[in-house]
Amino acid sequence: MSVGALFDLLFLLPFLNGLLLAVALPAIGAYSRLRGEWLASLAIGEAAAAGITLGALAGLPVAASALLAALLAAPIKTLLGRNDGDDSYALMLLAGWSVTLLLAANTTHGHDLAQALLQGQIYFTGGSHLLAIVSAVLALSALLPWLSPSLLRARFFPEYFPANGVANPKHALVFDMLVAMTVALAASVVGVMGAFALAFVPAWVAFRFAGGWRRTVAWSAGLGLVAYLASFALAMLLDQPFGPVLVVTLLVMSVVRGVRKG
């Protein structure tokens, strides 16, 4: 594909959809890592994949069915509590994976649907996705500054809320809902593994480099943005599926963390 295709208006909406997610997901990933719940994005992504395949059976829009499944999964996880670490997310991941494949096997064009969830379908996203993603990013921008002090307090002073008689703090549920909403949309755009990689790798690298919490979140978002821009250009120019190219780019980026560690 020629370089000129990168500037074709046909790809403007898909580019903007991925661009917004490339900033939002790493920021959420930083907070998930802070909470010791790095598996959250993959588990909720699998729940969203199950929702997409179920929605295909019911004739629902992709974004709507993904959001519905993820927003149902997040409260269930919160009600289970956090004493089991990533265990509840691991169970959610396994349930989502098995339901996705079983539904895809019994759905018209199920193989194509499963392939789209693996590779992502960013080039086929449009205005409806953009509207949903902008809404998610606005909610994230409004709520995350309010949630941040409570999330930090829960991490560094874990006995604070139990000591004050708060068994399930509201901030935990609100954050889980934000994770679910953002990851669900991302799974329908860049694929389940692409969404997980965007949430996991930039934050993982940033935790090694950045000094201070605000810098860590900023580094995470910045690294996600750089990886996305490089991946979008490479996938277009080499005529490759976007999701795997994004994951490979992020894996290359993770090497930097190893060098730094050495």
Protein backbone atom coordinates (compact mmCIF):
# COMPACT_ATOMS: atom_id res chain seq x y z
CA MET A 1 0.00 0.00 0.00
CA SER A 2 1.31 3.48 -0.83
CA VAL A 3 2.23 6.18 1.71
CA GLY A 4 -0.60 8.31 0.34
CA ALA A 5 -3.15 5.85 1.73
CA LEU A 6 -2.16 6.95 5.23
CA PHE A 7 -3.75 10.34 4.50
CA ASP A 8 -6.88 8.98 2.81
CA LEU A 9 -10.02 10.39 4.48
CA LEU A 10 -11.49 6.89 4.26
CA PHE A 11 -9.25 5.89 7.18
CA LEU A 12 -9.74 9.06 9.24
CA LEU A 13 -12.49 7.73 11.50
CA PRO A 14 -10.74 4.38 12.14
CA PHE A 15 -7.54 6.29 12.91
CA LEU A 16 -9.30 8.58 15.41
CA ASN A 17 -11.06 5.63 17.06
CA GLY A 18 -7.78 3.88 17.70
CA LEU A 19 -5.99 7.09 18.67
CA LEU A 20 -8.37 7.84 21.53
CA LEU A 21 -8.16 4.27 22.81
CA ALA A 22 -4.35 4.32 22.59
CA VAL A 23 -4.29 7.12 25.17
CA ALA A 24 -7.15 5.96 27.39
CA LEU A 25 -6.23 2.27 27.72
CA PRO A 26 -2.64 2.75 28.98
CA ALA A 27 -3.87 5.26 31.58
CA ILE A 28 -6.40 2.72 32.84
CA GLY A 29 -3.69 0.07 32.67
CA ALA A 30 -1.51 2.12 35.01
CA TYR A 31 -4.23 2.17 37.66
CA SER A 32 -4.95 -1.53 37.14
CA ARG A 33 -1.28 -2.30 37.71
CA LEU A 34 -1.32 -0.06 40.78
CA ARG A 35 -4.19 -2.16 42.16
CA GLY A 36 -2.43 -5.43 41.34
CA GLU A 37 -5.10 -6.31 38.77
CA TRP A 38 -3.09 -6.41 35.55
CA LEU A 39 -5.19 -9.34 34.28
CA ALA A 40 -8.35 -7.23 34.37
CA SER A 41 -8.14 -5.90 30.82
CA LEU A 42 -7.72 -9.36 29.27
CA ALA A 43 -10.54 -10.87 31.33
CA ILE A 44 -12.98 -8.06 30.54
CA GLY A 45 -11.87 -8.17 26.91
CA GLU A 46 -12.84 -11.84 26.76
CA ALA A 47 -16.17 -11.02 28.40
CA ALA A 48 -16.69 -8.36 25.75
CA ALA A 49 -15.85 -10.89 23.02
CA ALA A 50 -18.52 -13.19 24.40
CA GLY A 51 -20.94 -10.27 24.34
CA ILE A 52 -20.11 -9.50 20.72
CA THR A 53 -20.75 -13.07 19.58
CA LEU A 54 -23.96 -13.24 21.62
CA GLY A 55 -25.00 -9.91 20.14
CA ALA A 56 -24.39 -11.30 16.66
CA LEU A 57 -26.94 -14.01 17.38
CA ALA A 58 -29.44 -11.39 18.56
CA GLY A 59 -28.69 -8.94 15.76
CA LEU A 60 -27.35 -6.23 18.11
CA PRO A 61 -24.68 -3.65 17.17
CA VAL A 62 -21.13 -4.73 18.02
CA ALA A 63 -20.36 -1.81 20.34
CA ALA A 64 -23.64 -2.17 22.24
CA SER A 65 -23.29 -5.92 22.84
CA ALA A 66 -19.64 -5.58 23.91
CA LEU A 67 -20.48 -2.82 26.37
CA LEU A 68 -23.41 -4.75 27.81
CA ALA A 69 -21.34 -7.86 28.47
CA ALA A 70 -18.44 -5.93 30.02
CA LEU A 71 -20.65 -3.73 32.18
CA LEU A 72 -22.31 -6.85 33.55
CA ALA A 73 -18.95 -8.50 34.21
CA ALA A 74 -17.43 -5.58 36.14
CA PRO A 75 -19.99 -5.45 39.00
CA ILE A 76 -19.81 -9.23 39.36
CA LYS A 77 -16.07 -8.97 39.85
CA THR A 78 -16.45 -6.13 42.36
CA LEU A 79 -19.00 -8.08 44.39
CA LEU A 80 -16.64 -11.05 44.54
CA GLY A 81 -14.17 -8.84 46.38
CA ARG A 82 -10.43 -8.31 45.90
CA ASN A 83 -9.05 -10.78 48.45
CA ASP A 84 -8.50 -13.36 45.72
CA GLY A 85 -6.26 -11.04 43.66
CA ASP A 86 -6.52 -11.91 39.98
CA ASP A 87 -8.35 -15.19 40.60
CA SER A 88 -11.79 -13.79 39.78
CA TYR A 89 -10.40 -12.23 36.60
CA ALA A 90 -8.85 -15.56 35.61
CA LEU A 91 -12.24 -17.26 35.96
CA MET A 92 -13.88 -14.47 33.95
CA LEU A 93 -11.23 -14.88 31.24
CA LEU A 94 -11.84 -18.62 30.96
CA ALA A 95 -15.61 -18.19 30.92
CA GLY A 96 -15.45 -15.46 28.27
CA TRP A 97 -13.06 -17.46 26.07
CA SER A 98 -15.14 -20.64 26.16
CA VAL A 99 -18.45 -18.85 25.61
CA THR A 100 -16.97 -16.87 22.70
CA LEU A 101 -15.77 -19.96 20.85
CA LEU A 102 -18.95 -21.93 21.50
CA LEU A 103 -21.14 -19.08 20.30
CA ALA A 104 -18.92 -18.43 17.28
CA ALA A 105 -19.10 -22.11 16.33
CA ASN A 106 -22.87 -21.88 16.25
CA THR A 107 -23.21 -18.50 14.55
CA THR A 108 -23.39 -17.72 10.85
CA HIS A 109 -19.95 -16.50 9.77
CA GLY A 110 -18.75 -17.43 13.25
CA HIS A 111 -15.21 -18.08 12.02
CA ASP A 112 -15.00 -14.60 10.52
CA LEU A 113 -16.33 -13.08 13.72
CA ALA A 114 -13.82 -14.92 15.89
CA GLN A 115 -11.03 -13.86 13.53
CA ALA A 116 -12.13 -10.23 13.79
CA LEU A 117 -12.01 -10.43 17.58
CA LEU A 118 -8.50 -11.84 17.41
CA GLN A 119 -7.09 -9.42 14.84
CA GLY A 120 -9.26 -6.38 15.50
CA GLN A 121 -11.46 -4.63 12.97
CA ILE A 122 -10.23 -1.07 13.23
CA TYR A 123 -10.50 -0.36 9.48
CA PHE A 124 -14.23 -1.15 9.58
CA THR A 125 -15.10 1.15 12.49
CA GLY A 126 -16.91 4.39 11.90
CA GLY A 127 -19.05 7.13 13.42
CA SER A 128 -20.97 4.95 15.87
CA HIS A 129 -17.74 3.63 17.34
CA LEU A 130 -16.33 7.16 17.52
CA LEU A 131 -19.38 8.40 19.42
CA ALA A 132 -19.13 5.55 21.93
CA ILE A 133 -15.37 5.97 22.37
CA VAL A 134 -15.61 9.76 22.82
CA SER A 135 -18.29 9.19 25.48
CA ALA A 136 -16.05 6.70 27.26
CA VAL A 137 -13.03 9.02 27.13
CA LEU A 138 -15.10 11.95 28.45
CA ALA A 139 -16.35 9.79 31.32
CA LEU A 140 -12.81 8.67 32.02
CA SER A 141 -11.49 12.25 31.96
CA ALA A 142 -14.20 13.41 34.34
CA LEU A 143 -14.12 10.54 36.82
CA LEU A 144 -10.49 9.43 36.97
CA PRO A 145 -9.21 12.60 38.75
CA TRP A 146 -11.96 12.10 41.32
CA LEU A 147 -11.19 8.38 41.71
CA SER A 148 -7.41 8.72 41.81
CA PRO A 149 -6.98 9.76 45.48
CA SER A 150 -9.18 6.88 46.65
CA LEU A 151 -7.40 4.38 44.40
CA LEU A 152 -4.01 5.54 45.69
CA ARG A 153 -5.22 5.47 49.29
CA ALA A 154 -6.53 1.94 48.87
CA ARG A 155 -3.16 0.84 47.46
CA PHE A 156 -0.87 2.43 50.03
CA PHE A 157 -3.21 2.35 53.05
CA PRO A 158 -5.21 -0.87 52.47
CA GLU A 159 -6.76 -0.82 55.95
CA TYR A 160 -8.16 2.69 55.55
CA PHE A 161 -11.57 1.74 54.15
CA PRO A 162 -12.16 -1.39 56.32
CA ALA A 163 -11.20 0.66 59.38
CA ASN A 164 -13.88 3.15 58.43
CA GLY A 165 -16.51 0.46 57.95
CA VAL A 166 -16.51 0.52 54.14
CA ALA A 167 -16.49 -3.10 52.93
CA ASN A 168 -16.91 -2.35 49.19
CA PRO A 169 -15.92 1.25 48.47
CA LYS A 170 -17.89 2.92 45.70
CA HIS A 171 -14.72 4.05 43.96
CA ALA A 172 -13.79 0.41 43.26
CA LEU A 173 -17.07 -0.28 41.46
CA VAL A 174 -16.90 2.98 39.48
CA PHE A 175 -13.35 2.21 38.39
CA ASP A 176 -14.27 -1.34 37.39
CA MET A 177 -17.10 0.06 35.29
CA LEU A 178 -14.71 2.49 33.56
CA VAL A 179 -12.30 -0.37 32.83
CA ALA A 180 -15.12 -2.50 31.48
CA MET A 181 -16.50 0.25 29.25
CA THR A 182 -13.14 1.21 27.75
CA VAL A 183 -11.76 -2.31 27.30
CA ALA A 184 -15.02 -3.53 25.76
CA LEU A 185 -14.91 -0.84 23.10
CA ALA A 186 -11.22 -1.47 22.50
CA ALA A 187 -11.80 -5.21 22.08
CA SER A 188 -14.28 -4.50 19.30
CA VAL A 189 -11.79 -2.15 17.58
CA VAL A 190 -8.24 -3.49 18.05
CA GLY A 191 -9.10 -7.03 19.19
CA VAL A 192 -8.95 -8.66 22.62
CA MET A 193 -5.18 -9.14 22.67
CA GLY A 194 -4.55 -5.69 21.19
CA ALA A 195 -6.64 -4.12 23.97
CA PHE A 196 -4.83 -6.15 26.61
CA ALA A 197 -1.40 -5.25 25.19
CA LEU A 198 -2.26 -1.53 25.16
CA ALA A 199 -3.39 -1.68 28.78
CA PHE A 200 -0.52 -3.86 29.99
CA VAL A 201 2.75 -3.02 28.19
CA PRO A 202 2.92 0.82 28.33
CA ALA A 203 2.12 0.82 32.06
CA TRP A 204 4.58 -2.02 32.67
CA VAL A 205 7.35 -0.01 30.97
CA ALA A 206 6.32 3.29 32.60
CA PHE A 207 6.48 1.80 36.09
CA ARG A 208 10.18 1.19 35.43
CA PHE A 209 11.04 4.62 34.07
CA ALA A 210 8.74 7.23 35.56
CA GLY A 211 9.25 8.94 38.88
CA GLY A 212 6.00 9.86 40.63
CA TRP A 213 2.46 8.81 39.96
CA ARG A 214 1.40 11.57 37.57
CA ARG A 215 4.50 10.99 35.48
CA THR A 216 3.74 7.27 35.41
CA VAL A 217 0.25 7.86 34.01
CA ALA A 218 1.61 10.41 31.50
CA TRP A 219 4.40 8.03 30.39
CA SER A 220 1.88 5.21 30.00
CA ALA A 221 -0.39 7.31 27.78
CA GLY A 222 2.57 8.65 25.79
CA LEU A 223 4.04 5.21 25.15
CA GLY A 224 0.66 3.89 24.08
CA LEU A 225 0.28 6.78 21.65
CA VAL A 226 3.72 6.23 20.10
CA ALA A 227 3.10 2.49 19.73
CA TYR A 228 -0.26 3.13 18.11
CA LEU A 229 1.03 5.65 15.57
CA ALA A 230 3.87 3.33 14.56
CA SER A 231 1.55 0.31 14.36
CA PHE A 232 -1.09 2.07 12.28
CA ALA A 233 1.50 3.23 9.75
CA LEU A 234 3.21 -0.17 9.57
CA ALA A 235 -0.05 -2.13 9.25
CA MET A 236 -1.23 0.14 6.43
CA LEU A 237 2.05 0.19 4.52
CA LEU A 238 2.68 -3.55 4.85
CA ASP A 239 -0.99 -4.48 4.33
CA GLN A 240 -1.13 -6.46 7.58
CA PRO A 241 -3.90 -6.92 10.18
CA PHE A 242 -3.67 -4.14 12.73
CA GLY A 243 -4.07 -6.09 15.99
CA PRO A 244 -1.03 -8.37 15.62
CA VAL A 245 1.13 -5.47 14.35
CA LEU A 246 0.15 -3.45 17.43
CA VAL A 247 1.03 -6.30 19.77
CA VAL A 248 4.42 -6.87 18.07
CA THR A 249 5.20 -3.15 18.29
CA LEU A 250 4.39 -3.14 22.00
CA LEU A 251 6.50 -6.25 22.54
CA VAL A 252 9.45 -4.49 20.89
CA MET A 253 8.80 -1.55 23.19
CA SER A 254 8.90 -3.87 26.19
CA VAL A 255 12.52 -4.69 25.35
CA VAL A 256 13.37 -1.16 26.47
CA ARG A 257 12.24 -2.05 29.95
CA GLY A 258 14.57 -5.04 30.00
CA VAL A 259 17.50 -2.90 28.85
CA ARG A 260 16.71 -0.35 31.52
CA LYS A 261 16.54 -3.08 34.12
CA GLY A 262 19.96 -4.29 33.12
